[in-house]
Structure formats: structure tokens, C-alpha cells
Amino acid sequence: MQGKSKWKDPGIILCGVLLLVAAIVLIWWPKDVYIMGISLAGWLMFSTYFIWLLIGVIYIFWIEKWEKK
């Protein structure tokens, strides 16, 4: 892996995406917005489980392709 930039590493990039999604959820945390009796932050956390799964799958394929180079 010599000569490859650390900033182009799939793990670093996807970690940044995860932090961004988590920050968006936490920004909504103190808001008193409720949908069907559940806080908007709760809905955002629930919906991001699917994003975490998708990001995990993307990471697996991306890192395999990246390591073959």
C-alpha cells in the first residue's frame, strides 16, 4: 500500500460519511419535533440503520477493489 494517499483510503472516507450522518442526527436531538408520537431524532436514528448497512456493504466491495490495485 505504499504510495497510496491515506486520505483516499475507503475507510477514512466512509468514516467521514458516518460522522456526517451522526452529526445530522445529533443536531436534531434537542428539537421537540414529533412524528406519530416519536421524536424526529428517533426516526432519524432508525432510518440511518439502513445507511450504516449500505455503507458497510460499499466498504467491503470498495476495499477489495482498492487492495487489488
N, C-alpha and C. Protein backbone atom coordinates (compact mmCIF):
# COMPACT_ATOMS: atom_id res chain seq x y z
N MET A 1 0.82 -1.19 0.00
CA MET A 1 0.00 0.00 0.00
C MET A 1 0.86 1.25 0.00
N GLN A 2 2.09 1.10 -0.39
CA GLN A 2 2.96 2.27 -0.44
C GLN A 2 2.56 3.16 -1.60
N GLY A 3 2.69 4.44 -1.42
CA GLY A 3 2.38 5.40 -2.46
C GLY A 3 0.91 5.78 -2.53
N LYS A 4 0.07 5.13 -1.77
CA LYS A 4 -1.35 5.48 -1.78
C LYS A 4 -1.62 6.50 -0.67
N SER A 5 -2.40 7.50 -1.01
CA SER A 5 -2.74 8.54 -0.05
C SER A 5 -3.66 8.01 1.03
N LYS A 6 -3.37 8.38 2.28
CA LYS A 6 -4.23 7.99 3.39
C LYS A 6 -5.62 8.60 3.25
N TRP A 7 -5.71 9.79 2.67
CA TRP A 7 -6.98 10.49 2.56
C TRP A 7 -7.88 9.88 1.50
N LYS A 8 -7.32 9.03 0.63
CA LYS A 8 -8.13 8.35 -0.37
C LYS A 8 -8.49 6.94 0.07
N ASP A 9 -8.11 6.57 1.28
CA ASP A 9 -8.43 5.25 1.82
C ASP A 9 -9.94 5.15 2.02
N PRO A 10 -10.56 4.08 1.54
CA PRO A 10 -12.02 3.94 1.70
C PRO A 10 -12.48 4.04 3.16
N GLY A 11 -11.69 3.52 4.08
CA GLY A 11 -12.07 3.57 5.49
C GLY A 11 -12.14 4.99 6.01
N ILE A 12 -11.20 5.83 5.62
CA ILE A 12 -11.18 7.24 6.05
C ILE A 12 -12.39 7.98 5.46
N ILE A 13 -12.64 7.76 4.19
CA ILE A 13 -13.76 8.45 3.52
C ILE A 13 -15.09 8.02 4.14
N LEU A 14 -15.29 6.71 4.32
CA LEU A 14 -16.56 6.24 4.87
C LEU A 14 -16.72 6.60 6.33
N CYS A 15 -15.63 6.71 7.05
CA CYS A 15 -15.70 7.17 8.44
C CYS A 15 -16.21 8.62 8.48
N GLY A 16 -15.74 9.43 7.54
CA GLY A 16 -16.22 10.81 7.43
C GLY A 16 -17.71 10.86 7.14
N VAL A 17 -18.18 9.96 6.26
CA VAL A 17 -19.61 9.91 5.94
C VAL A 17 -20.41 9.52 7.19
N LEU A 18 -19.92 8.54 7.94
CA LEU A 18 -20.61 8.11 9.17
C LEU A 18 -20.66 9.25 10.18
N LEU A 19 -19.58 9.97 10.32
CA LEU A 19 -19.56 11.10 11.25
C LEU A 19 -20.54 12.19 10.82
N LEU A 20 -20.63 12.42 9.52
CA LEU A 20 -21.56 13.42 9.00
C LEU A 20 -23.01 13.04 9.29
N VAL A 21 -23.36 11.78 9.04
CA VAL A 21 -24.73 11.32 9.31
C VAL A 21 -25.03 11.40 10.80
N ALA A 22 -24.08 10.98 11.63
CA ALA A 22 -24.28 11.05 13.09
C ALA A 22 -24.44 12.49 13.54
N ALA A 23 -23.67 13.40 12.96
CA ALA A 23 -23.78 14.82 13.33
C ALA A 23 -25.16 15.37 12.97
N ILE A 24 -25.68 14.97 11.82
CA ILE A 24 -27.01 15.44 11.42
C ILE A 24 -28.06 14.97 12.42
N VAL A 25 -27.97 13.70 12.83
CA VAL A 25 -28.93 13.18 13.82
C VAL A 25 -28.79 13.92 15.14
N LEU A 26 -27.57 14.14 15.59
CA LEU A 26 -27.37 14.81 16.88
C LEU A 26 -27.77 16.27 16.86
N ILE A 27 -27.70 16.91 15.70
CA ILE A 27 -28.15 18.30 15.58
C ILE A 27 -29.65 18.38 15.85
N TRP A 28 -30.41 17.35 15.40
CA TRP A 28 -31.85 17.33 15.59
C TRP A 28 -32.25 16.90 16.99
N TRP A 29 -31.33 16.33 17.75
CA TRP A 29 -31.66 15.74 19.04
C TRP A 29 -32.46 16.67 19.97
N PRO A 30 -32.05 17.93 20.18
CA PRO A 30 -32.77 18.77 21.14
C PRO A 30 -34.10 19.32 20.62
N LYS A 31 -34.41 19.08 19.38
CA LYS A 31 -35.66 19.62 18.81
C LYS A 31 -36.86 18.84 19.33
N ASP A 32 -37.94 19.54 19.56
CA ASP A 32 -39.17 18.91 20.02
C ASP A 32 -40.12 18.70 18.84
N VAL A 33 -39.64 17.96 17.86
CA VAL A 33 -40.46 17.65 16.70
C VAL A 33 -40.84 16.17 16.81
N TYR A 34 -42.14 15.91 16.76
CA TYR A 34 -42.61 14.53 16.90
C TYR A 34 -43.42 14.13 15.68
N ILE A 35 -43.18 12.92 15.20
CA ILE A 35 -43.93 12.35 14.09
C ILE A 35 -44.50 11.03 14.59
N MET A 36 -45.81 10.90 14.58
CA MET A 36 -46.50 9.70 15.10
C MET A 36 -46.07 9.39 16.53
N GLY A 37 -45.86 10.42 17.32
CA GLY A 37 -45.54 10.25 18.73
C GLY A 37 -44.09 9.91 19.02
N ILE A 38 -43.25 9.87 17.99
CA ILE A 38 -41.83 9.55 18.17
C ILE A 38 -41.01 10.76 17.76
N SER A 39 -40.00 11.07 18.54
CA SER A 39 -39.13 12.21 18.25
C SER A 39 -38.49 12.06 16.88
N LEU A 40 -38.29 13.19 16.21
CA LEU A 40 -37.65 13.17 14.90
C LEU A 40 -36.25 12.58 14.99
N ALA A 41 -35.55 12.84 16.10
CA ALA A 41 -34.21 12.25 16.26
C ALA A 41 -34.30 10.73 16.29
N GLY A 42 -35.33 10.19 16.91
CA GLY A 42 -35.53 8.74 16.93
C GLY A 42 -35.77 8.18 15.54
N TRP A 43 -36.60 8.87 14.76
CA TRP A 43 -36.84 8.45 13.38
C TRP A 43 -35.56 8.51 12.57
N LEU A 44 -34.78 9.58 12.77
CA LEU A 44 -33.52 9.70 12.03
C LEU A 44 -32.55 8.58 12.40
N MET A 45 -32.46 8.25 13.69
CA MET A 45 -31.58 7.16 14.10
C MET A 45 -32.05 5.83 13.51
N PHE A 46 -33.35 5.58 13.52
CA PHE A 46 -33.87 4.35 12.96
C PHE A 46 -33.58 4.26 11.47
N SER A 47 -33.82 5.34 10.74
CA SER A 47 -33.61 5.32 9.29
C SER A 47 -32.13 5.21 8.93
N THR A 48 -31.25 5.68 9.79
CA THR A 48 -29.82 5.60 9.46
C THR A 48 -29.26 4.19 9.63
N TYR A 49 -29.98 3.29 10.30
CA TYR A 49 -29.50 1.91 10.37
C TYR A 49 -29.33 1.34 8.97
N PHE A 50 -30.22 1.69 8.07
CA PHE A 50 -30.12 1.22 6.70
C PHE A 50 -28.93 1.87 5.98
N ILE A 51 -28.65 3.11 6.33
CA ILE A 51 -27.48 3.78 5.77
C ILE A 51 -26.21 3.10 6.26
N TRP A 52 -26.15 2.75 7.56
CA TRP A 52 -24.96 2.07 8.10
C TRP A 52 -24.73 0.75 7.35
N LEU A 53 -25.80 -0.01 7.12
CA LEU A 53 -25.69 -1.27 6.42
C LEU A 53 -25.18 -1.06 5.00
N LEU A 54 -25.74 -0.09 4.31
CA LEU A 54 -25.31 0.21 2.95
C LEU A 54 -23.85 0.64 2.92
N ILE A 55 -23.45 1.48 3.85
CA ILE A 55 -22.06 1.93 3.91
C ILE A 55 -21.12 0.76 4.18
N GLY A 56 -21.54 -0.18 5.03
CA GLY A 56 -20.73 -1.36 5.30
C GLY A 56 -20.53 -2.21 4.06
N VAL A 57 -21.60 -2.40 3.29
CA VAL A 57 -21.51 -3.18 2.05
C VAL A 57 -20.62 -2.46 1.04
N ILE A 58 -20.80 -1.16 0.90
CA ILE A 58 -19.96 -0.38 -0.01
C ILE A 58 -18.50 -0.51 0.39
N TYR A 59 -18.23 -0.42 1.69
CA TYR A 59 -16.85 -0.51 2.18
C TYR A 59 -16.23 -1.85 1.80
N ILE A 60 -16.95 -2.93 1.97
CA ILE A 60 -16.40 -4.25 1.66
C ILE A 60 -15.99 -4.33 0.20
N PHE A 61 -16.87 -3.93 -0.70
CA PHE A 61 -16.54 -4.00 -2.12
C PHE A 61 -15.45 -3.01 -2.51
N TRP A 62 -15.52 -1.80 -1.93
CA TRP A 62 -14.55 -0.76 -2.24
C TRP A 62 -13.15 -1.16 -1.79
N ILE A 63 -13.01 -1.69 -0.58
CA ILE A 63 -11.69 -2.04 -0.06
C ILE A 63 -11.11 -3.22 -0.84
N GLU A 64 -11.95 -4.17 -1.27
CA GLU A 64 -11.47 -5.29 -2.09
C GLU A 64 -10.91 -4.77 -3.41
N LYS A 65 -11.64 -3.88 -4.05
CA LYS A 65 -11.19 -3.30 -5.32
C LYS A 65 -9.93 -2.48 -5.11
N TRP A 66 -9.88 -1.73 -4.01
CA TRP A 66 -8.75 -0.85 -3.71
C TRP A 66 -7.48 -1.65 -3.45
N GLU A 67 -7.62 -2.78 -2.76
CA GLU A 67 -6.45 -3.60 -2.43
C GLU A 67 -5.92 -4.36 -3.64
N LYS A 68 -6.75 -4.62 -4.63
CA LYS A 68 -6.29 -5.32 -5.84
C LYS A 68 -5.40 -4.44 -6.70
N LYS A 69 -5.53 -3.13 -6.57
CA LYS A 69 -4.71 -2.20 -7.38
C LYS A 69 -3.27 -2.25 -6.97
